[in-house]
Amino acid sequence: MTPPASDTRKGGRRPGRIRTGVPFALLLPALLGLAFLLLPLVALLIRAPWHSLPEQLTSPEVWQALRLSLVCATSATALSLVIGVPLAWLLARTDFPGRGLVRALVTLPLVLPPVVGGVALLLALGRNGVVGQWLDAWFGVTLPFTTTGVVLAETFVAMPFLVISVEGTLRAADPRYEEAATTLGASRFTAFRRVTLPLIAPGIAAGAVLAWARALGEFGATITFAGNFPGRTQTMPLAVYLALQSDPEAAIALSLVLLAVSIAVLAGLRDRWMTTS
């Protein structure tokens, strides 16, 4: 007679349970990796000018950069929602030639150096760009080195986070609800608006938060495509870079603000992206 599965292992140990003893050959590099990741953050907290932090954070330059960062990141997230959610639906719900290539191109900004993305935006939307020259000639619209340019640069690097999150949620959702709605006479768009959107709302929210956080921290594409003009294109990361050259304490204070935002984002997404023991 075959013994129960729970008795087939020594001591009745459940399958997949890890022994409490950790090999030193694994423990040492694990601790080194943890120290490597935490040491810069600890150093930032140790060297923070806590005594002058309120004065640093209440300066007009900091509030100007913070306000611009919040406005541009929120605008980039809104734009990503408008065009990113339909793109995610297209990738998840339809089958067309070259879908794998399109998905790869959509995720390309995740691995593309941001500075290269800024150069590409200049070549596409600059005054002499492939599309930008016609915008300038027909409508008198110039996008580089403007606040709108900041929003476009942040959207370019942040939207893939939203698309990936929403596409994954759509693939996990049961498409039979949409099919039932269309069987009852609803159009595809009505089924998407009334049935699919409520089902994937948590995925959209998570993707929007990730996109917003990425847009808030964007540096390379922004400085390349929009420049670094205070009050117009100077966001928080650009302000940190500029302050580091002349006022290191202000740079640390600004870095603390971005660190706090990052921690808040991770805390908000913990239940979705991290598993519990």
C-alpha atoms as a PDB file:
ATOM      1  CA  MET A   1       0.000   0.000   0.000  1.00  0.00           C
ATOM      2  CA  THR A   2       1.348   3.374  -0.959  1.00  0.00           C
ATOM      3  CA  PRO A   3       1.878   5.658   2.054  1.00  0.00           C
ATOM      4  CA  PRO A   4       0.245   9.093   2.116  1.00  0.00           C
ATOM      5  CA  ALA A   5       2.099  11.876   0.322  1.00  0.00           C
ATOM      6  CA  SER A   6       2.762  13.620   3.608  1.00  0.00           C
ATOM      7  CA  ASP A   7       4.591  10.513   4.896  1.00  0.00           C
ATOM      8  CA  THR A   8       6.827  10.049   1.877  1.00  0.00           C
ATOM      9  CA  ARG A   9       9.209  12.717   3.118  1.00  0.00           C
ATOM     10  CA  LYS A  10      11.347  12.366   6.185  1.00  0.00           C
ATOM     11  CA  GLY A  11       9.693  13.825   9.239  1.00  0.00           C
ATOM     12  CA  GLY A  12       6.425  14.488   7.404  1.00  0.00           C
ATOM     13  CA  ARG A  13       7.861  17.696   5.933  1.00  0.00           C
ATOM     14  CA  ARG A  14       5.614  19.370   3.380  1.00  0.00           C
ATOM     15  CA  PRO A  15       6.830  19.455  -0.222  1.00  0.00           C
ATOM     16  CA  GLY A  16       8.551  22.690  -1.104  1.00  0.00           C
ATOM     17  CA  ARG A  17       9.393  23.714   2.453  1.00  0.00           C
ATOM     18  CA  ILE A  18      12.956  25.019   2.801  1.00  0.00           C
ATOM     19  CA  ARG A  19      15.116  23.810   5.641  1.00  0.00           C
ATOM     20  CA  THR A  20      16.024  26.344   8.273  1.00  0.00           C
ATOM     21  CA  GLY A  21      19.758  25.829   7.823  1.00  0.00           C
ATOM     22  CA  VAL A  22      21.233  28.214   5.248  1.00  0.00           C
ATOM     23  CA  PRO A  23      24.539  27.272   3.572  1.00  0.00           C
ATOM     24  CA  PHE A  24      27.247  29.815   4.294  1.00  0.00           C
ATOM     25  CA  ALA A  25      28.147  29.849   0.597  1.00  0.00           C
ATOM     26  CA  LEU A  26      24.661  31.281  -0.116  1.00  0.00           C
ATOM     27  CA  LEU A  27      24.200  33.355   3.040  1.00  0.00           C
ATOM     28  CA  LEU A  28      27.342  35.449   2.563  1.00  0.00           C
ATOM     29  CA  PRO A  29      26.641  36.666  -1.005  1.00  0.00           C
ATOM     30  CA  ALA A  30      22.978  37.188  -0.080  1.00  0.00           C
ATOM     31  CA  LEU A  31      23.984  39.475   2.789  1.00  0.00           C
ATOM     32  CA  LEU A  32      26.487  41.261   0.560  1.00  0.00           C
ATOM     33  CA  GLY A  33      23.773  41.832  -2.036  1.00  0.00           C
ATOM     34  CA  LEU A  34      21.413  43.176   0.602  1.00  0.00           C
ATOM     35  CA  ALA A  35      24.114  45.494   1.972  1.00  0.00           C
ATOM     36  CA  PHE A  36      24.950  46.701  -1.533  1.00  0.00           C
ATOM     37  CA  LEU A  37      21.326  47.700  -2.149  1.00  0.00           C
ATOM     38  CA  LEU A  38      20.710  49.261   1.260  1.00  0.00           C
ATOM     39  CA  LEU A  39      24.028  51.056   1.863  1.00  0.00           C
ATOM     40  CA  PRO A  40      23.401  53.960  -0.575  1.00  0.00           C
ATOM     41  CA  LEU A  41      19.944  54.552   0.930  1.00  0.00           C
ATOM     42  CA  VAL A  42      21.327  54.446   4.470  1.00  0.00           C
ATOM     43  CA  ALA A  43      24.098  56.858   3.471  1.00  0.00           C
ATOM     44  CA  LEU A  44      21.481  59.213   2.032  1.00  0.00           C
ATOM     45  CA  LEU A  45      19.608  59.192   5.328  1.00  0.00           C
ATOM     46  CA  ILE A  46      22.788  59.611   7.402  1.00  0.00           C
ATOM     47  CA  ARG A  47      24.093  62.538   5.358  1.00  0.00           C
ATOM     48  CA  ALA A  48      20.703  64.245   5.067  1.00  0.00           C
ATOM     49  CA  PRO A  49      20.733  67.838   6.394  1.00  0.00           C
ATOM     50  CA  TRP A  50      17.925  67.226   8.874  1.00  0.00           C
ATOM     51  CA  HIS A  51      18.552  70.541  10.649  1.00  0.00           C
ATOM     52  CA  SER A  52      18.007  72.581   7.479  1.00  0.00           C
ATOM     53  CA  LEU A  53      15.602  70.212   5.754  1.00  0.00           C
ATOM     54  CA  PRO A  54      12.455  72.331   6.337  1.00  0.00           C
ATOM     55  CA  GLU A  55      14.228  75.376   4.935  1.00  0.00           C
ATOM     56  CA  GLN A  56      15.499  73.421   1.934  1.00  0.00           C
ATOM     57  CA  LEU A  57      12.107  71.945   1.106  1.00  0.00           C
ATOM     58  CA  THR A  58      10.251  75.237   1.435  1.00  0.00           C
ATOM     59  CA  SER A  59      12.487  77.190  -0.937  1.00  0.00           C
ATOM     60  CA  PRO A  60      10.737  78.576  -4.052  1.00  0.00           C
ATOM     61  CA  GLU A  61      13.025  76.601  -6.385  1.00  0.00           C
ATOM     62  CA  VAL A  62      12.126  73.286  -4.755  1.00  0.00           C
ATOM     63  CA  TRP A  63       8.389  73.980  -4.809  1.00  0.00           C
ATOM     64  CA  GLN A  64       8.629  75.089  -8.422  1.00  0.00           C
ATOM     65  CA  ALA A  65      10.372  71.874  -9.452  1.00  0.00           C
ATOM     66  CA  LEU A  66       8.041  69.760  -7.296  1.00  0.00           C
ATOM     67  CA  ARG A  67       4.904  71.372  -8.713  1.00  0.00           C
ATOM     68  CA  LEU A  68       6.134  70.935 -12.271  1.00  0.00           C
ATOM     69  CA  SER A  69       7.073  67.314 -11.581  1.00  0.00           C
ATOM     70  CA  LEU A  70       3.649  66.498 -10.144  1.00  0.00           C
ATOM     71  CA  VAL A  71       1.799  68.234 -12.978  1.00  0.00           C
ATOM     72  CA  CYS A  72       3.886  66.620 -15.723  1.00  0.00           C
ATOM     73  CA  ALA A  73       3.878  63.142 -14.158  1.00  0.00           C
ATOM     74  CA  THR A  74       0.108  63.268 -13.679  1.00  0.00           C
ATOM     75  CA  SER A  75      -0.415  64.526 -17.240  1.00  0.00           C
ATOM     76  CA  ALA A  76       1.877  61.802 -18.608  1.00  0.00           C
ATOM     77  CA  THR A  77      -0.071  59.177 -16.646  1.00  0.00           C
ATOM     78  CA  ALA A  78      -3.388  60.498 -17.958  1.00  0.00           C
ATOM     79  CA  LEU A  79      -2.076  60.407 -21.524  1.00  0.00           C
ATOM     80  CA  SER A  80      -0.764  56.888 -20.945  1.00  0.00           C
ATOM     81  CA  LEU A  81      -4.208  55.797 -19.754  1.00  0.00           C
ATOM     82  CA  VAL A  82      -5.956  57.262 -22.791  1.00  0.00           C
ATOM     83  CA  ILE A  83      -3.738  55.555 -25.358  1.00  0.00           C
ATOM     84  CA  GLY A  84      -2.138  52.762 -23.306  1.00  0.00           C
ATOM     85  CA  VAL A  85      -5.259  50.934 -22.117  1.00  0.00           C
ATOM     86  CA  PRO A  86      -6.629  50.478 -25.676  1.00  0.00           C
ATOM     87  CA  LEU A  87      -3.168  49.344 -26.780  1.00  0.00           C
ATOM     88  CA  ALA A  88      -3.068  46.769 -23.979  1.00  0.00           C
ATOM     89  CA  TRP A  89      -6.546  45.547 -24.979  1.00  0.00           C
ATOM     90  CA  LEU A  90      -5.404  45.220 -28.586  1.00  0.00           C
ATOM     91  CA  LEU A  91      -2.418  43.102 -27.566  1.00  0.00           C
ATOM     92  CA  ALA A  92      -4.413  40.918 -25.170  1.00  0.00           C
ATOM     93  CA  ARG A  93      -7.718  40.414 -26.978  1.00  0.00           C
ATOM     94  CA  THR A  94      -6.948  40.441 -30.698  1.00  0.00           C
ATOM     95  CA  ASP A  95      -4.803  38.263 -32.928  1.00  0.00           C
ATOM     96  CA  PHE A  96      -3.072  39.949 -35.851  1.00  0.00           C
ATOM     97  CA  PRO A  97       0.103  39.365 -37.856  1.00  0.00           C
ATOM     98  CA  GLY A  98       3.181  40.673 -36.098  1.00  0.00           C
ATOM     99  CA  ARG A  99       1.582  40.922 -32.654  1.00  0.00           C
ATOM    100  CA  GLY A 100       4.746  39.583 -31.022  1.00  0.00           C
ATOM    101  CA  LEU A 101       6.834  42.233 -32.769  1.00  0.00           C
ATOM    102  CA  VAL A 102       4.416  44.976 -31.722  1.00  0.00           C
ATOM    103  CA  ARG A 103       4.575  43.792 -28.109  1.00  0.00           C
ATOM    104  CA  ALA A 104       8.368  43.832 -28.251  1.00  0.00           C
ATOM    105  CA  LEU A 105       8.372  47.363 -29.644  1.00  0.00           C
ATOM    106  CA  VAL A 106       5.937  48.524 -26.952  1.00  0.00           C
ATOM    107  CA  THR A 107       8.234  47.236 -24.217  1.00  0.00           C
ATOM    108  CA  LEU A 108      11.391  48.575 -25.891  1.00  0.00           C
ATOM    109  CA  PRO A 109      11.460  51.829 -23.827  1.00  0.00           C
ATOM    110  CA  LEU A 110      11.847  49.657 -20.711  1.00  0.00           C
ATOM    111  CA  VAL A 111      15.349  48.631 -21.781  1.00  0.00           C
ATOM    112  CA  LEU A 112      16.220  51.526 -24.070  1.00  0.00           C
ATOM    113  CA  PRO A 113      18.600  54.063 -22.457  1.00  0.00           C
ATOM    114  CA  PRO A 114      16.464  57.133 -21.665  1.00  0.00           C
ATOM    115  CA  VAL A 115      18.941  59.444 -23.393  1.00  0.00           C
ATOM    116  CA  VAL A 116      18.514  57.433 -26.597  1.00  0.00           C
ATOM    117  CA  GLY A 117      14.761  57.821 -26.170  1.00  0.00           C
ATOM    118  CA  GLY A 118      15.239  61.580 -25.913  1.00  0.00           C
ATOM    119  CA  VAL A 119      17.316  61.639 -29.084  1.00  0.00           C
ATOM    120  CA  ALA A 120      14.661  59.577 -30.861  1.00  0.00           C
ATOM    121  CA  LEU A 121      11.969  62.009 -29.733  1.00  0.00           C
ATOM    122  CA  LEU A 122      14.021  64.907 -31.073  1.00  0.00           C
ATOM    123  CA  LEU A 123      14.397  63.190 -34.441  1.00  0.00           C
ATOM    124  CA  ALA A 124      10.661  62.481 -34.558  1.00  0.00           C
ATOM    125  CA  LEU A 125       9.074  65.543 -32.943  1.00  0.00           C
ATOM    126  CA  GLY A 126      11.820  68.174 -33.108  1.00  0.00           C
ATOM    127  CA  ARG A 127      11.498  71.267 -35.241  1.00  0.00           C
ATOM    128  CA  ASN A 128      13.280  69.436 -38.082  1.00  0.00           C
ATOM    129  CA  GLY A 129      11.960  66.012 -37.094  1.00  0.00           C
ATOM    130  CA  VAL A 130      10.040  63.555 -39.201  1.00  0.00           C
ATOM    131  CA  VAL A 131       6.708  64.721 -37.756  1.00  0.00           C
ATOM    132  CA  GLY A 132       7.790  67.832 -35.897  1.00  0.00           C
ATOM    133  CA  GLN A 133       8.618  69.773 -39.047  1.00  0.00           C
ATOM    134  CA  TRP A 134       5.005  69.446 -40.219  1.00  0.00           C
ATOM    135  CA  LEU A 135       3.654  70.417 -36.802  1.00  0.00           C
ATOM    136  CA  ASP A 136       5.792  73.539 -36.938  1.00  0.00           C
ATOM    137  CA  ALA A 137       4.930  74.385 -40.548  1.00  0.00           C
ATOM    138  CA  TRP A 138       1.184  73.709 -40.383  1.00  0.00           C
ATOM    139  CA  PHE A 139       0.249  74.614 -36.813  1.00  0.00           C
ATOM    140  CA  GLY A 140       3.254  76.535 -35.481  1.00  0.00           C
ATOM    141  CA  VAL A 141       3.653  73.941 -32.704  1.00  0.00           C
ATOM    142  CA  THR A 142       7.139  73.357 -31.321  1.00  0.00           C
ATOM    143  CA  LEU A 143       7.416  70.570 -28.738  1.00  0.00           C
ATOM    144  CA  PRO A 144      11.088  70.366 -27.667  1.00  0.00           C
ATOM    145  CA  PHE A 145      12.185  72.454 -24.662  1.00  0.00           C
ATOM    146  CA  THR A 146       8.614  73.033 -23.523  1.00  0.00           C
ATOM    147  CA  THR A 147       6.482  71.702 -20.673  1.00  0.00           C
ATOM    148  CA  THR A 148       4.539  69.674 -23.234  1.00  0.00           C
ATOM    149  CA  GLY A 149       7.844  68.155 -24.277  1.00  0.00           C
ATOM    150  CA  VAL A 150       8.413  67.044 -20.675  1.00  0.00           C
ATOM    151  CA  VAL A 151       5.011  65.320 -20.646  1.00  0.00           C
ATOM    152  CA  LEU A 152       5.733  63.543 -23.945  1.00  0.00           C
ATOM    153  CA  ALA A 153       9.181  62.405 -22.800  1.00  0.00           C
ATOM    154  CA  GLU A 154       7.758  61.046 -19.546  1.00  0.00           C
ATOM    155  CA  THR A 155       4.910  59.333 -21.395  1.00  0.00           C
ATOM    156  CA  PHE A 156       7.371  57.631 -23.730  1.00  0.00           C
ATOM    157  CA  VAL A 157       9.302  55.997 -20.896  1.00  0.00           C
ATOM    158  CA  ALA A 158       6.370  55.394 -18.504  1.00  0.00           C
ATOM    159  CA  MET A 159       3.555  54.068 -20.688  1.00  0.00           C
ATOM    160  CA  PRO A 160       5.090  50.579 -21.168  1.00  0.00           C
ATOM    161  CA  PHE A 161       4.668  49.963 -17.424  1.00  0.00           C
ATOM    162  CA  LEU A 162       0.958  50.644 -17.758  1.00  0.00           C
ATOM    163  CA  VAL A 163       0.565  48.566 -20.915  1.00  0.00           C
ATOM    164  CA  ILE A 164       2.297  45.532 -19.382  1.00  0.00           C
ATOM    165  CA  SER A 165       0.219  45.713 -16.217  1.00  0.00           C
ATOM    166  CA  VAL A 166      -3.097  46.112 -18.040  1.00  0.00           C
ATOM    167  CA  GLU A 167      -2.290  43.458 -20.637  1.00  0.00           C
ATOM    168  CA  GLY A 168      -1.457  40.951 -17.900  1.00  0.00           C
ATOM    169  CA  THR A 169      -4.718  41.724 -16.125  1.00  0.00           C
ATOM    170  CA  LEU A 170      -6.687  41.363 -19.369  1.00  0.00           C
ATOM    171  CA  ARG A 171      -5.127  37.970 -20.059  1.00  0.00           C
ATOM    172  CA  ALA A 172      -6.086  36.817 -16.574  1.00  0.00           C
ATOM    173  CA  ALA A 173      -9.675  38.066 -16.939  1.00  0.00           C
ATOM    174  CA  ASP A 174     -12.261  35.679 -18.362  1.00  0.00           C
ATOM    175  CA  PRO A 175     -13.185  36.838 -21.910  1.00  0.00           C
ATOM    176  CA  ARG A 176     -16.513  34.997 -21.715  1.00  0.00           C
ATOM    177  CA  TYR A 177     -18.043  37.966 -19.898  1.00  0.00           C
ATOM    178  CA  GLU A 178     -17.345  40.159 -22.921  1.00  0.00           C
ATOM    179  CA  GLU A 179     -18.666  37.461 -25.248  1.00  0.00           C
ATOM    180  CA  ALA A 180     -21.869  37.202 -23.207  1.00  0.00           C
ATOM    181  CA  ALA A 181     -22.339  40.973 -23.384  1.00  0.00           C
ATOM    182  CA  THR A 182     -21.916  41.010 -27.158  1.00  0.00           C
ATOM    183  CA  THR A 183     -24.325  38.058 -27.452  1.00  0.00           C
ATOM    184  CA  LEU A 184     -26.931  40.131 -25.606  1.00  0.00           C
ATOM    185  CA  GLY A 185     -26.588  42.900 -28.183  1.00  0.00           C
ATOM    186  CA  ALA A 186     -23.873  45.133 -26.750  1.00  0.00           C
ATOM    187  CA  SER A 187     -21.243  46.474 -29.114  1.00  0.00           C
ATOM    188  CA  ARG A 188     -17.586  45.608 -28.562  1.00  0.00           C
ATOM    189  CA  PHE A 189     -16.904  49.079 -27.201  1.00  0.00           C
ATOM    190  CA  THR A 190     -19.907  48.948 -24.863  1.00  0.00           C
ATOM    191  CA  ALA A 191     -18.811  45.528 -23.607  1.00  0.00           C
ATOM    192  CA  PHE A 192     -15.329  46.923 -23.024  1.00  0.00           C
ATOM    193  CA  ARG A 193     -16.640  49.993 -21.218  1.00  0.00           C
ATOM    194  CA  ARG A 194     -19.343  48.331 -19.115  1.00  0.00           C
ATOM    195  CA  VAL A 195     -17.873  44.867 -18.506  1.00  0.00           C
ATOM    196  CA  THR A 196     -14.130  44.738 -19.113  1.00  0.00           C
ATOM    197  CA  LEU A 197     -13.068  48.009 -17.513  1.00  0.00           C
ATOM    198  CA  PRO A 198     -14.629  47.222 -14.108  1.00  0.00           C
ATOM    199  CA  LEU A 199     -12.991  43.771 -14.185  1.00  0.00           C
ATOM    200  CA  ILE A 200      -9.497  45.101 -14.890  1.00  0.00           C
ATOM    201  CA  ALA A 201      -9.753  48.252 -12.756  1.00  0.00           C
ATOM    202  CA  PRO A 202      -7.200  47.003 -10.164  1.00  0.00           C
ATOM    203  CA  GLY A 203      -4.675  46.275 -12.908  1.00  0.00           C
ATOM    204  CA  ILE A 204      -5.238  49.695 -14.454  1.00  0.00           C
ATOM    205  CA  ALA A 205      -4.770  51.353 -11.066  1.00  0.00           C
ATOM    206  CA  ALA A 206      -1.536  49.448 -10.397  1.00  0.00           C
ATOM    207  CA  GLY A 207      -0.196  50.229 -13.863  1.00  0.00           C
ATOM    208  CA  ALA A 208      -1.118  53.897 -13.499  1.00  0.00           C
ATOM    209  CA  VAL A 209       0.746  54.151 -10.194  1.00  0.00           C
ATOM    210  CA  LEU A 210       3.817  52.503 -11.685  1.00  0.00           C
ATOM    211  CA  ALA A 211       3.683  54.783 -14.718  1.00  0.00           C
ATOM    212  CA  TRP A 212       3.258  57.845 -12.504  1.00  0.00           C
ATOM    213  CA  ALA A 213       6.242  56.900 -10.358  1.00  0.00           C
ATOM    214  CA  ARG A 214       8.383  56.233 -13.422  1.00  0.00           C
ATOM    215  CA  ALA A 215       7.356  59.537 -14.974  1.00  0.00           C
ATOM    216  CA  LEU A 216       8.141  61.388 -11.750  1.00  0.00           C
ATOM    217  CA  GLY A 217      11.668  59.996 -11.722  1.00  0.00           C
ATOM    218  CA  GLU A 218      12.422  60.400 -15.429  1.00  0.00           C
ATOM    219  CA  PHE A 219      15.689  62.202 -16.212  1.00  0.00           C
ATOM    220  CA  GLY A 220      17.496  61.170 -19.401  1.00  0.00           C
ATOM    221  CA  ALA A 221      14.777  61.566 -22.016  1.00  0.00           C
ATOM    222  CA  THR A 222      13.507  64.743 -20.348  1.00  0.00           C
ATOM    223  CA  ILE A 223      16.814  66.597 -20.288  1.00  0.00           C
ATOM    224  CA  THR A 224      17.576  65.511 -23.866  1.00  0.00           C
ATOM    225  CA  PHE A 225      14.213  66.364 -25.399  1.00  0.00           C
ATOM    226  CA  ALA A 226      12.923  69.152 -23.116  1.00  0.00           C
ATOM    227  CA  GLY A 227      16.056  70.662 -21.614  1.00  0.00           C
ATOM    228  CA  ASN A 228      16.549  71.993 -18.092  1.00  0.00           C
ATOM    229  CA  PHE A 229      14.811  75.353 -17.807  1.00  0.00           C
ATOM    230  CA  PRO A 230      13.626  76.347 -14.290  1.00  0.00           C
ATOM    231  CA  GLY A 231       9.883  76.792 -14.099  1.00  0.00           C
ATOM    232  CA  ARG A 232       9.304  75.327 -17.552  1.00  0.00           C
ATOM    233  CA  THR A 233      11.082  71.978 -17.919  1.00  0.00           C
ATOM    234  CA  GLN A 234      13.124  71.532 -14.721  1.00  0.00           C
ATOM    235  CA  THR A 235      11.554  68.607 -12.883  1.00  0.00           C
ATOM    236  CA  MET A 236      12.712  67.159  -9.566  1.00  0.00           C
ATOM    237  CA  PRO A 237      15.368  64.773 -10.979  1.00  0.00           C
ATOM    238  CA  LEU A 238      16.809  67.591 -13.078  1.00  0.00           C
ATOM    239  CA  ALA A 239      16.791  69.881 -10.050  1.00  0.00           C
ATOM    240  CA  VAL A 240      18.693  67.229  -8.079  1.00  0.00           C
ATOM    241  CA  TYR A 241      21.314  67.007 -10.814  1.00  0.00           C
ATOM    242  CA  LEU A 242      21.710  70.772 -10.993  1.00  0.00           C
ATOM    243  CA  ALA A 243      21.781  71.269  -7.208  1.00  0.00           C
ATOM    244  CA  LEU A 244      24.410  68.558  -6.755  1.00  0.00           C
ATOM    245  CA  GLN A 245      26.903  70.775  -8.552  1.00  0.00           C
ATOM    246  CA  SER A 246      26.343  73.884  -6.436  1.00  0.00           C
ATOM    247  CA  ASP A 247      24.327  72.969  -3.315  1.00  0.00           C
ATOM    248  CA  PRO A 248      24.740  69.320  -2.236  1.00  0.00           C
ATOM    249  CA  GLU A 249      22.423  69.754   0.762  1.00  0.00           C
ATOM    250  CA  ALA A 250      19.585  70.851  -1.510  1.00  0.00           C
ATOM    251  CA  ALA A 251      20.279  67.870  -3.767  1.00  0.00           C
ATOM    252  CA  ILE A 252      20.026  65.525  -0.785  1.00  0.00           C
ATOM    253  CA  ALA A 253      16.785  67.147   0.347  1.00  0.00           C
ATOM    254  CA  LEU A 254      15.255  66.730  -3.104  1.00  0.00           C
ATOM    255  CA  SER A 255      16.484  63.131  -3.221  1.00  0.00           C
ATOM    256  CA  LEU A 256      14.726  62.439   0.073  1.00  0.00           C
ATOM    257  CA  VAL A 257      11.445  63.623  -1.429  1.00  0.00           C
ATOM    258  CA  LEU A 258      11.824  61.262  -4.390  1.00  0.00           C
ATOM    259  CA  LEU A 259      12.847  58.440  -2.046  1.00  0.00           C
ATOM    260  CA  ALA A 260       9.725  58.994   0.047  1.00  0.00           C
ATOM    261  CA  VAL A 261       7.560  58.887  -3.085  1.00  0.00           C
ATOM    262  CA  SER A 262       9.196  55.632  -4.198  1.00  0.00           C
ATOM    263  CA  ILE A 263       8.628  54.018  -0.809  1.00  0.00           C
ATOM    264  CA  ALA A 264       5.000  55.151  -0.841  1.00  0.00           C
ATOM    265  CA  VAL A 265       4.492  53.602  -4.291  1.00  0.00           C
ATOM    266  CA  LEU A 266       6.017  50.294  -3.197  1.00  0.00           C
ATOM    267  CA  ALA A 267       3.893  50.280  -0.059  1.00  0.00           C
ATOM    268  CA  GLY A 268       0.760  50.942  -2.078  1.00  0.00           C
ATOM    269  CA  LEU A 269       1.511  48.127  -4.517  1.00  0.00           C
ATOM    270  CA  ARG A 270       2.740  45.622  -1.937  1.00  0.00           C
ATOM    271  CA  ASP A 271      -0.441  43.539  -1.887  1.00  0.00           C
ATOM    272  CA  ARG A 272      -0.401  43.219  -5.673  1.00  0.00           C
ATOM    273  CA  TRP A 273       3.241  42.727  -6.548  1.00  0.00           C
ATOM    274  CA  MET A 274       4.601  40.947  -3.492  1.00  0.00           C
ATOM    275  CA  THR A 275       3.546  37.595  -2.159  1.00  0.00           C
ATOM    276  CA  THR A 276       3.068  36.897   1.506  1.00  0.00           C
ATOM    277  CA  SER A 277       4.605  33.963   3.289  1.00  0.00           C
END
